[in-house]
Protein backbone atom coordinates (compact mmCIF):
# COMPACT_ATOMS: atom_id res chain seq x y z
CA UNK A 1 -0.01 -0.01 0.01
CA UNK A 2 1.34 3.44 -0.85
CA UNK A 3 0.40 6.98 0.04
CA UNK A 4 -1.65 7.91 -3.02
CA UNK A 5 -1.34 11.67 -2.54
CA UNK A 6 2.33 11.65 -3.45
CA UNK A 7 2.10 9.62 -6.67
CA UNK A 8 1.41 12.75 -8.71
CA UNK A 9 4.80 14.12 -7.67
CA UNK A 10 6.65 11.09 -9.07
CA UNK A 11 7.26 9.66 -12.52
CA UNK A 12 6.03 6.23 -11.42
CA UNK A 13 5.43 4.03 -8.42
CA UNK A 14 8.97 2.66 -8.61
CA UNK A 15 10.34 6.16 -7.99
CA UNK A 16 8.48 6.67 -4.72
CA UNK A 17 10.69 6.78 -1.59
CA UNK A 18 10.38 3.82 0.82
CA UNK A 19 8.66 5.95 3.47
CA UNK A 20 5.64 6.18 1.17
CA UNK A 21 5.03 2.45 1.50
CA UNK A 22 3.26 0.91 4.50
CA UNK A 23 3.62 -2.87 4.10
CA UNK A 24 1.39 -5.08 6.21
CA UNK A 25 -0.18 -8.54 6.15
CA UNK A 26 -3.67 -7.37 5.08
CA UNK A 27 -2.74 -4.73 2.55
CA UNK A 28 -0.01 -6.84 0.93
CA UNK A 29 -1.91 -10.13 0.84
CA UNK A 30 -2.93 -9.93 -2.82
CA UNK A 31 -0.12 -7.73 -4.09
CA UNK A 32 1.59 -9.28 -7.13
CA UNK A 33 4.77 -7.31 -6.49
CA UNK A 34 5.48 -8.39 -2.91
CA UNK A 35 8.23 -10.79 -4.00
CA UNK A 36 10.26 -7.84 -5.32
CA UNK A 37 8.99 -5.14 -2.95
CA UNK A 38 11.95 -3.37 -1.31
CA UNK A 39 9.73 -1.84 1.39
CA UNK A 40 8.44 -5.25 2.45
CA UNK A 41 11.94 -6.77 2.39
CA UNK A 42 13.30 -3.96 4.57
CA UNK A 43 10.44 -4.34 7.06
CA UNK A 44 11.12 -8.07 7.44
CA UNK A 45 14.86 -7.43 7.85
CA UNK A 46 14.11 -4.85 10.52
CA UNK A 47 11.82 -7.31 12.30
CA UNK A 48 14.56 -9.95 12.34
CA UNK A 49 17.50 -7.62 13.06
CA UNK A 50 18.50 -6.00 16.34
CA UNK A 51 18.44 -2.24 16.83
CA UNK A 52 22.18 -2.14 16.14
CA UNK A 53 22.19 -4.46 13.10
CA UNK A 54 23.68 -3.12 9.88
CA UNK A 55 20.91 -3.71 7.32
CA UNK A 56 23.39 -3.27 4.50
CA UNK A 57 25.00 -6.61 5.39
CA UNK A 58 24.14 -9.71 3.32
CA UNK A 59 20.70 -11.13 4.17
CA UNK A 60 22.26 -14.45 5.17
CA UNK A 61 24.35 -12.72 7.86
CA UNK A 62 21.37 -10.78 9.21
CA UNK A 63 19.27 -13.95 9.44
CA UNK A 64 22.13 -15.91 11.06
CA UNK A 65 22.62 -13.18 13.67
CA UNK A 66 18.86 -12.99 14.29
CA UNK A 67 18.60 -16.77 14.75
CA UNK A 68 21.46 -16.74 17.26
CA UNK A 69 19.70 -14.04 19.30
CA UNK A 70 16.36 -15.87 19.67
CA UNK A 71 17.24 -17.52 23.02
CA UNK A 72 18.16 -14.08 24.39
CA UNK A 73 14.95 -12.29 23.44
CA UNK A 74 12.46 -11.19 26.08
CA UNK A 75 8.92 -12.59 25.87
CA UNK A 76 7.76 -9.13 24.77
CA UNK A 77 10.25 -9.16 21.88
CA UNK A 78 9.22 -12.70 20.99
CA UNK A 79 5.54 -11.69 20.91
CA UNK A 80 6.30 -8.71 18.65
CA UNK A 81 8.23 -10.84 16.16
CA UNK A 82 5.77 -13.76 16.34
CA UNK A 83 2.92 -11.45 15.44
CA UNK A 84 4.64 -10.90 12.07
CA UNK A 85 5.30 -14.62 11.39
CA UNK A 86 2.43 -15.14 8.95
CA UNK A 87 3.31 -11.95 7.08
CA UNK A 88 6.97 -13.01 6.75
CA UNK A 89 6.03 -16.52 5.66
CA UNK A 90 3.66 -15.20 2.99
CA UNK A 91 6.46 -12.99 1.66
CA UNK A 92 8.91 -15.90 1.60
CA UNK A 93 6.37 -17.97 -0.31
CA UNK A 94 6.00 -15.17 -2.85
CA UNK A 95 9.79 -15.03 -3.21
CA UNK A 96 9.99 -18.83 -3.71
CA UNK A 97 7.22 -18.71 -6.31
CA UNK A 98 8.88 -15.82 -8.14
CA UNK A 99 12.28 -17.56 -8.27
CA UNK A 100 10.59 -20.74 -9.51
CA UNK A 101 8.72 -18.80 -12.18
CA UNK A 102 11.86 -16.96 -13.35
CA UNK A 103 13.86 -20.16 -13.66
CA UNK A 104 11.04 -21.99 -15.42
CA UNK A 105 10.85 -19.09 -17.87
CA UNK A 106 14.52 -19.54 -18.69
CA UNK A 107 15.67 -16.44 -16.81
CA UNK A 108 18.87 -16.83 -14.76
CA UNK A 109 18.71 -16.33 -10.99
CA UNK A 110 22.21 -15.93 -9.46
CA UNK A 111 23.16 -18.90 -7.28
CA UNK A 112 20.21 -21.12 -8.28
CA UNK A 113 19.23 -23.49 -11.10
CA UNK A 114 16.48 -25.93 -12.02
CA UNK A 115 17.20 -29.64 -11.57
CA UNK A 116 15.13 -32.78 -11.95
CA UNK A 117 13.35 -33.48 -8.68
CA UNK A 118 12.83 -36.77 -6.89
CA UNK A 119 10.92 -39.36 -8.90
CA UNK A 120 7.35 -40.10 -7.93
CA UNK A 121 6.22 -43.31 -6.26
CA UNK A 122 6.20 -46.45 -8.40
CA UNK A 123 2.84 -47.34 -9.89
CA UNK A 124 1.45 -49.99 -12.21
CA UNK A 125 1.42 -48.89 -15.84
CA UNK A 126 -1.38 -51.42 -16.43
CA UNK A 127 -3.09 -52.42 -13.18
CA UNK A 128 -5.28 -55.11 -14.77
CA UNK A 129 -2.28 -56.74 -16.47
CA UNK A 130 -0.42 -56.73 -13.16
CA UNK A 131 -3.40 -58.30 -11.40
CA UNK A 132 -3.69 -61.02 -14.03
CA UNK A 133 0.02 -61.78 -13.83
CA UNK A 134 0.17 -61.97 -10.04
CA UNK A 135 -3.20 -63.61 -9.38
CA UNK A 136 -4.02 -65.72 -12.43
CA UNK A 137 -0.60 -66.70 -13.78
CA UNK A 138 1.56 -66.73 -10.66
CA UNK A 139 -1.32 -67.97 -8.46
CA UNK A 140 -0.63 -65.75 -5.49
CA UNK A 141 -3.37 -65.68 -2.85
CA UNK A 142 -5.86 -62.78 -2.81
CA UNK A 143 -4.60 -61.48 0.55
CA UNK A 144 -1.04 -61.51 -0.84
CA UNK A 145 -1.97 -59.46 -3.89
CA UNK A 146 -4.57 -57.03 -2.54
CA UNK A 147 -4.52 -54.70 0.46
CA UNK A 148 -7.83 -55.01 2.29
CA UNK A 149 -8.48 -52.10 4.67
CA UNK A 150 -11.52 -50.98 6.62
CA UNK A 151 -13.04 -47.75 5.35
CA UNK A 152 -12.53 -44.59 7.41
CA UNK A 153 -15.21 -43.14 9.71
CA UNK A 154 -15.68 -40.33 7.18
CA UNK A 155 -16.45 -42.77 4.37
CA UNK A 156 -18.66 -44.81 6.71
CA UNK A 157 -20.65 -41.67 7.52
CA UNK A 158 -21.24 -40.96 3.82
CA UNK A 159 -22.27 -44.58 3.30
CA UNK A 160 -24.62 -44.98 6.27
CA UNK A 161 -25.77 -41.79 8.00
CA UNK A 162 -28.24 -40.48 5.43
CA UNK A 163 -29.60 -43.90 4.41
CA UNK A 164 -29.93 -45.29 7.94
CA UNK A 165 -29.59 -42.91 10.90
CA UNK A 166 -30.23 -45.80 13.36
CA UNK A 167 -27.31 -47.78 11.97
CA UNK A 168 -25.15 -44.70 12.02
CA UNK A 169 -25.83 -44.22 15.73
CA UNK A 170 -24.39 -47.67 16.41
CA UNK A 171 -21.39 -47.06 14.17
CA UNK A 172 -20.75 -43.64 15.71
CA UNK A 173 -20.34 -45.24 19.12
CA UNK A 174 -17.20 -46.95 17.79
CA UNK A 175 -15.56 -43.74 16.59
CA UNK A 176 -12.96 -41.88 18.62
CA UNK A 177 -11.10 -38.67 17.90
CA UNK A 178 -7.79 -37.46 19.29
CA UNK A 179 -7.73 -34.21 21.22
CA UNK A 180 -6.32 -31.18 19.42
CA UNK A 181 -2.70 -30.36 20.22
CA UNK A 182 -1.91 -27.04 21.91
CA UNK A 183 -1.45 -24.32 19.30
CA UNK A 184 -0.47 -20.67 19.55
CA UNK A 185 -3.28 -18.17 18.83
CA UNK A 186 -3.73 -14.43 19.33
CA UNK A 187 -5.46 -13.27 22.52
CA UNK A 188 -8.46 -12.19 20.43
CA UNK A 189 -9.15 -15.86 19.52
CA UNK A 190 -12.55 -17.03 20.82
CA UNK A 191 -11.21 -20.32 22.15
CA UNK A 192 -10.42 -20.44 25.89
CA UNK A 193 -6.74 -20.33 26.91
CA UNK A 194 -5.22 -23.56 28.16
CA UNK A 195 -4.12 -23.53 31.80
CA UNK A 196 -0.53 -24.71 31.65
CA UNK A 197 1.01 -25.34 35.11
CA UNK A 198 4.82 -25.74 34.93
CA UNK A 199 4.73 -27.65 38.23
CA UNK A 200 3.02 -30.53 36.43
CA UNK A 201 6.21 -31.10 34.41
CA UNK A 202 8.13 -32.22 37.52
CA UNK A 203 7.79 -35.21 39.81
CA UNK A 204 6.29 -34.70 43.26
CA UNK A 205 9.27 -34.95 45.65
CA UNK A 206 7.44 -33.90 48.83
CA UNK A 207 7.91 -35.99 51.98
CA UNK A 208 4.34 -37.33 51.73
CA UNK A 209 4.83 -38.38 48.12
CA UNK A 210 8.14 -40.08 48.89
CA UNK A 211 6.59 -41.94 51.83
CA UNK A 212 3.72 -43.13 49.65
CA UNK A 213 6.21 -44.67 47.23
CA UNK A 214 7.91 -46.74 49.96
């Protein structure tokens, strides 16, 4: 997003000074230029760098220094940087996509090249011919040739629920679901906060507990 009032004073958007740009997750979400946006790059570098970091250094050095400082950050600093994580990741994805597109278009990107990736999983070129060879000609048993697996609860629901609600009630009683794992969310999230007690991470070494173990 740029300050529109100043565009008339410039030959084009690319001539606008960086202070005219206000990059942010919402306003940059659908921008096609974010992969090459200097303002967005500088904001991410400033987020990662310390107050005394020389932003003219190579990006690799800035990131290396920033990574080394993570254990030393205060929780307030961590929160400030973490709040920008999605924005930074969306920018990195745009950069990856742009590099991929440039290389696939035959344009050189210094330090990178296109190579043949890992081959896909092996598959039958003619599944029926393979079945006939294994089952009919080689006489392997059905259980040796075919993988028989019970359908998932989701498929069972599609098969049964609408046609026979009573049957589905019986099937549903056999379904379990793992609890969701703890995940970081902003304070504005409607879900209740988990009550994490650090004491629970340690064994009870009180006199009463030790006596009970004897």
